Amino acid sequence: MDKMVLKLVEKNNPQIDIDGYRQALLPLPLDELLIDSIYSEILPSSKKHNSEILFTAVILLLFSPKAILLSEKSQYGIANIILKKLSLKHHQQSSYRIKVAREVYEVDKVFRQQVDSIVERRRV
């Protein structure tokens, strides 16, 4: 069904860059060095306003974009990375941060711009 809808959209709206959207949904391979550089740039802390959520959103958008853009389940390992990097004690805490990052990214334009600017610098 989705493929038929996509074909109809492509046919009726040729100006829409469908391949660009497809490219945006492709995850990067997990790279520990990239994760470390993002961590050192943001320096997430419970004392810094939104820094943990910002880190989570950037990780999701780079390594599991369907999770943040389409509200699908995050890819295996993403929650573990967040758990480890943010020094959380329980898996539910990383799942909660994923949920909050998804919601904030969806509704807050300033937060979205912050996340998108970090991701654009990393996706080269």
C-alpha atoms as a PDB file:
ATOM      1  CA  MET A   1       0.000   0.000   0.000  1.00  0.00           C
ATOM      2  CA  ASP A   2       2.764   2.463   0.957  1.00  0.00           C
ATOM      3  CA  LYS A   3       4.614   1.811  -2.294  1.00  0.00           C
ATOM      4  CA  MET A   4       1.477   2.590  -4.293  1.00  0.00           C
ATOM      5  CA  VAL A   5       0.944   5.817  -2.355  1.00  0.00           C
ATOM      6  CA  LEU A   6       4.586   6.755  -2.923  1.00  0.00           C
ATOM      7  CA  LYS A   7       4.283   6.126  -6.673  1.00  0.00           C
ATOM      8  CA  LEU A   8       1.169   8.293  -6.783  1.00  0.00           C
ATOM      9  CA  VAL A   9       2.937  11.092  -4.910  1.00  0.00           C
ATOM     10  CA  GLU A  10       5.934  10.865  -7.267  1.00  0.00           C
ATOM     11  CA  LYS A  11       3.629  10.957 -10.294  1.00  0.00           C
ATOM     12  CA  ASN A  12       1.467  13.862  -9.136  1.00  0.00           C
ATOM     13  CA  ASN A  13       4.225  15.897  -7.466  1.00  0.00           C
ATOM     14  CA  PRO A  14       7.458  15.554  -9.445  1.00  0.00           C
ATOM     15  CA  GLN A  15       8.897  18.624  -7.697  1.00  0.00           C
ATOM     16  CA  ILE A  16       9.131  16.730  -4.398  1.00  0.00           C
ATOM     17  CA  ASP A  17      12.607  15.309  -3.803  1.00  0.00           C
ATOM     18  CA  ILE A  18      11.646  11.749  -2.821  1.00  0.00           C
ATOM     19  CA  ASP A  19      15.268  10.551  -2.997  1.00  0.00           C
ATOM     20  CA  GLY A  20      16.276  13.264  -0.534  1.00  0.00           C
ATOM     21  CA  TYR A  21      13.717  11.969   1.928  1.00  0.00           C
ATOM     22  CA  ARG A  22      14.924   8.405   1.395  1.00  0.00           C
ATOM     23  CA  GLN A  23      18.492   9.540   2.043  1.00  0.00           C
ATOM     24  CA  ALA A  24      17.422  11.286   5.260  1.00  0.00           C
ATOM     25  CA  LEU A  25      16.025   7.997   6.582  1.00  0.00           C
ATOM     26  CA  LEU A  26      19.253   6.054   6.042  1.00  0.00           C
ATOM     27  CA  PRO A  27      21.175   5.561   9.290  1.00  0.00           C
ATOM     28  CA  LEU A  28      24.901   5.997   9.563  1.00  0.00           C
ATOM     29  CA  PRO A  29      26.861   2.974  10.767  1.00  0.00           C
ATOM     30  CA  LEU A  30      27.587   3.095  14.493  1.00  0.00           C
ATOM     31  CA  ASP A  31      30.916   4.837  14.954  1.00  0.00           C
ATOM     32  CA  GLU A  32      32.338   5.190  18.454  1.00  0.00           C
ATOM     33  CA  LEU A  33      34.621   8.081  17.447  1.00  0.00           C
ATOM     34  CA  LEU A  34      31.692  10.046  16.030  1.00  0.00           C
ATOM     35  CA  ILE A  35      29.655   9.389  19.166  1.00  0.00           C
ATOM     36  CA  ASP A  36      32.567  10.540  21.341  1.00  0.00           C
ATOM     37  CA  SER A  37      33.005  13.748  19.324  1.00  0.00           C
ATOM     38  CA  ILE A  38      29.285  14.533  19.612  1.00  0.00           C
ATOM     39  CA  TYR A  39      29.460  13.855  23.337  1.00  0.00           C
ATOM     40  CA  SER A  40      32.445  16.191  23.758  1.00  0.00           C
ATOM     41  CA  GLU A  41      30.710  18.920  21.752  1.00  0.00           C
ATOM     42  CA  ILE A  42      27.449  18.798  23.711  1.00  0.00           C
ATOM     43  CA  LEU A  43      28.827  17.638  27.089  1.00  0.00           C
ATOM     44  CA  PRO A  44      25.472  16.328  28.315  1.00  0.00           C
ATOM     45  CA  SER A  45      24.808  16.774  32.002  1.00  0.00           C
ATOM     46  CA  SER A  46      21.732  16.711  34.161  1.00  0.00           C
ATOM     47  CA  LYS A  47      22.722  20.215  35.283  1.00  0.00           C
ATOM     48  CA  LYS A  48      22.799  21.655  31.739  1.00  0.00           C
ATOM     49  CA  HIS A  49      19.340  22.476  30.411  1.00  0.00           C
ATOM     50  CA  ASN A  50      18.236  19.991  27.699  1.00  0.00           C
ATOM     51  CA  SER A  51      21.780  18.749  27.029  1.00  0.00           C
ATOM     52  CA  GLU A  52      20.923  15.083  27.618  1.00  0.00           C
ATOM     53  CA  ILE A  53      17.868  15.346  25.381  1.00  0.00           C
ATOM     54  CA  LEU A  54      19.905  17.196  22.738  1.00  0.00           C
ATOM     55  CA  PHE A  55      22.544  14.451  22.776  1.00  0.00           C
ATOM     56  CA  THR A  56      19.839  11.787  22.518  1.00  0.00           C
ATOM     57  CA  ALA A  57      18.121  13.524  19.592  1.00  0.00           C
ATOM     58  CA  VAL A  58      21.396  13.925  17.683  1.00  0.00           C
ATOM     59  CA  ILE A  59      22.276  10.247  18.207  1.00  0.00           C
ATOM     60  CA  LEU A  60      18.806   9.202  17.058  1.00  0.00           C
ATOM     61  CA  LEU A  61      18.866  11.397  13.969  1.00  0.00           C
ATOM     62  CA  LEU A  62      22.281  10.111  12.919  1.00  0.00           C
ATOM     63  CA  PHE A  63      22.055   6.427  13.766  1.00  0.00           C
ATOM     64  CA  SER A  64      18.321   5.687  13.851  1.00  0.00           C
ATOM     65  CA  PRO A  65      16.530   8.457  11.924  1.00  0.00           C
ATOM     66  CA  LYS A  66      13.294   6.516  11.535  1.00  0.00           C
ATOM     67  CA  ALA A  67      12.984   6.496  15.318  1.00  0.00           C
ATOM     68  CA  ILE A  68      12.850  10.284  15.567  1.00  0.00           C
ATOM     69  CA  LEU A  69      11.293  11.206  12.212  1.00  0.00           C
ATOM     70  CA  LEU A  70       8.668   8.460  11.947  1.00  0.00           C
ATOM     71  CA  SER A  71       8.311   7.485  15.638  1.00  0.00           C
ATOM     72  CA  GLU A  72       9.412   3.933  14.965  1.00  0.00           C
ATOM     73  CA  LYS A  73      11.394   1.820  17.390  1.00  0.00           C
ATOM     74  CA  SER A  74      15.029   2.832  17.646  1.00  0.00           C
ATOM     75  CA  GLN A  75      17.579   0.502  16.141  1.00  0.00           C
ATOM     76  CA  TYR A  76      19.214  -2.054  18.365  1.00  0.00           C
ATOM     77  CA  GLY A  77      22.083  -0.596  20.317  1.00  0.00           C
ATOM     78  CA  ILE A  78      20.995   3.040  20.323  1.00  0.00           C
ATOM     79  CA  ALA A  79      19.416   2.822  23.773  1.00  0.00           C
ATOM     80  CA  ASN A  80      22.552   1.077  25.055  1.00  0.00           C
ATOM     81  CA  ILE A  81      24.768   3.864  23.679  1.00  0.00           C
ATOM     82  CA  ILE A  82      22.605   6.481  25.394  1.00  0.00           C
ATOM     83  CA  LEU A  83      22.596   4.437  28.597  1.00  0.00           C
ATOM     84  CA  LYS A  84      26.388   4.158  28.575  1.00  0.00           C
ATOM     85  CA  LYS A  85      27.273   7.707  27.489  1.00  0.00           C
ATOM     86  CA  LEU A  86      24.863   9.416  29.880  1.00  0.00           C
ATOM     87  CA  SER A  87      25.874   7.091  32.748  1.00  0.00           C
ATOM     88  CA  LEU A  88      22.297   6.025  33.398  1.00  0.00           C
ATOM     89  CA  LYS A  89      21.472   3.165  35.726  1.00  0.00           C
ATOM     90  CA  HIS A  90      18.413   1.653  34.083  1.00  0.00           C
ATOM     91  CA  HIS A  91      17.401   0.887  30.521  1.00  0.00           C
ATOM     92  CA  GLN A  92      14.066   2.616  31.128  1.00  0.00           C
ATOM     93  CA  GLN A  93      15.911   5.904  31.666  1.00  0.00           C
ATOM     94  CA  SER A  94      17.408   5.767  28.177  1.00  0.00           C
ATOM     95  CA  SER A  95      14.036   4.776  26.708  1.00  0.00           C
ATOM     96  CA  TYR A  96      12.459   7.759  28.450  1.00  0.00           C
ATOM     97  CA  ARG A  97      15.094  10.111  27.016  1.00  0.00           C
ATOM     98  CA  ILE A  98      14.431   8.699  23.545  1.00  0.00           C
ATOM     99  CA  LYS A  99      10.713   9.328  23.984  1.00  0.00           C
ATOM    100  CA  VAL A 100      11.240  12.888  25.233  1.00  0.00           C
ATOM    101  CA  ALA A 101      13.783  13.672  22.486  1.00  0.00           C
ATOM    102  CA  ARG A 102      11.266  12.506  19.881  1.00  0.00           C
ATOM    103  CA  GLU A 103       8.508  14.698  21.304  1.00  0.00           C
ATOM    104  CA  VAL A 104      10.666  17.798  21.789  1.00  0.00           C
ATOM    105  CA  TYR A 105      12.165  17.453  18.294  1.00  0.00           C
ATOM    106  CA  GLU A 106       8.663  17.321  16.881  1.00  0.00           C
ATOM    107  CA  VAL A 107       7.255  20.422  18.601  1.00  0.00           C
ATOM    108  CA  ASP A 108      10.165  22.765  19.444  1.00  0.00           C
ATOM    109  CA  LYS A 109      11.566  24.595  16.408  1.00  0.00           C
ATOM    110  CA  VAL A 110      14.607  26.005  18.219  1.00  0.00           C
ATOM    111  CA  PHE A 111      15.537  22.566  19.558  1.00  0.00           C
ATOM    112  CA  ARG A 112      15.070  21.082  16.080  1.00  0.00           C
ATOM    113  CA  GLN A 113      17.399  23.707  14.596  1.00  0.00           C
ATOM    114  CA  GLN A 114      20.051  22.925  17.221  1.00  0.00           C
ATOM    115  CA  VAL A 115      19.831  19.204  16.482  1.00  0.00           C
ATOM    116  CA  ASP A 116      19.784  19.692  12.712  1.00  0.00           C
ATOM    117  CA  SER A 117      22.836  21.969  12.782  1.00  0.00           C
ATOM    118  CA  ILE A 118      24.863  19.408  14.755  1.00  0.00           C
ATOM    119  CA  VAL A 119      23.727  16.593  12.455  1.00  0.00           C
ATOM    120  CA  GLU A 120      24.521  18.578   9.294  1.00  0.00           C
ATOM    121  CA  ARG A 121      28.089  19.103  10.489  1.00  0.00           C
ATOM    122  CA  ARG A 122      28.456  15.358  11.090  1.00  0.00           C
ATOM    123  CA  ARG A 123      26.779  14.100   7.895  1.00  0.00           C
ATOM    124  CA  VAL A 124      29.379  14.964   5.322  1.00  0.00           C
END
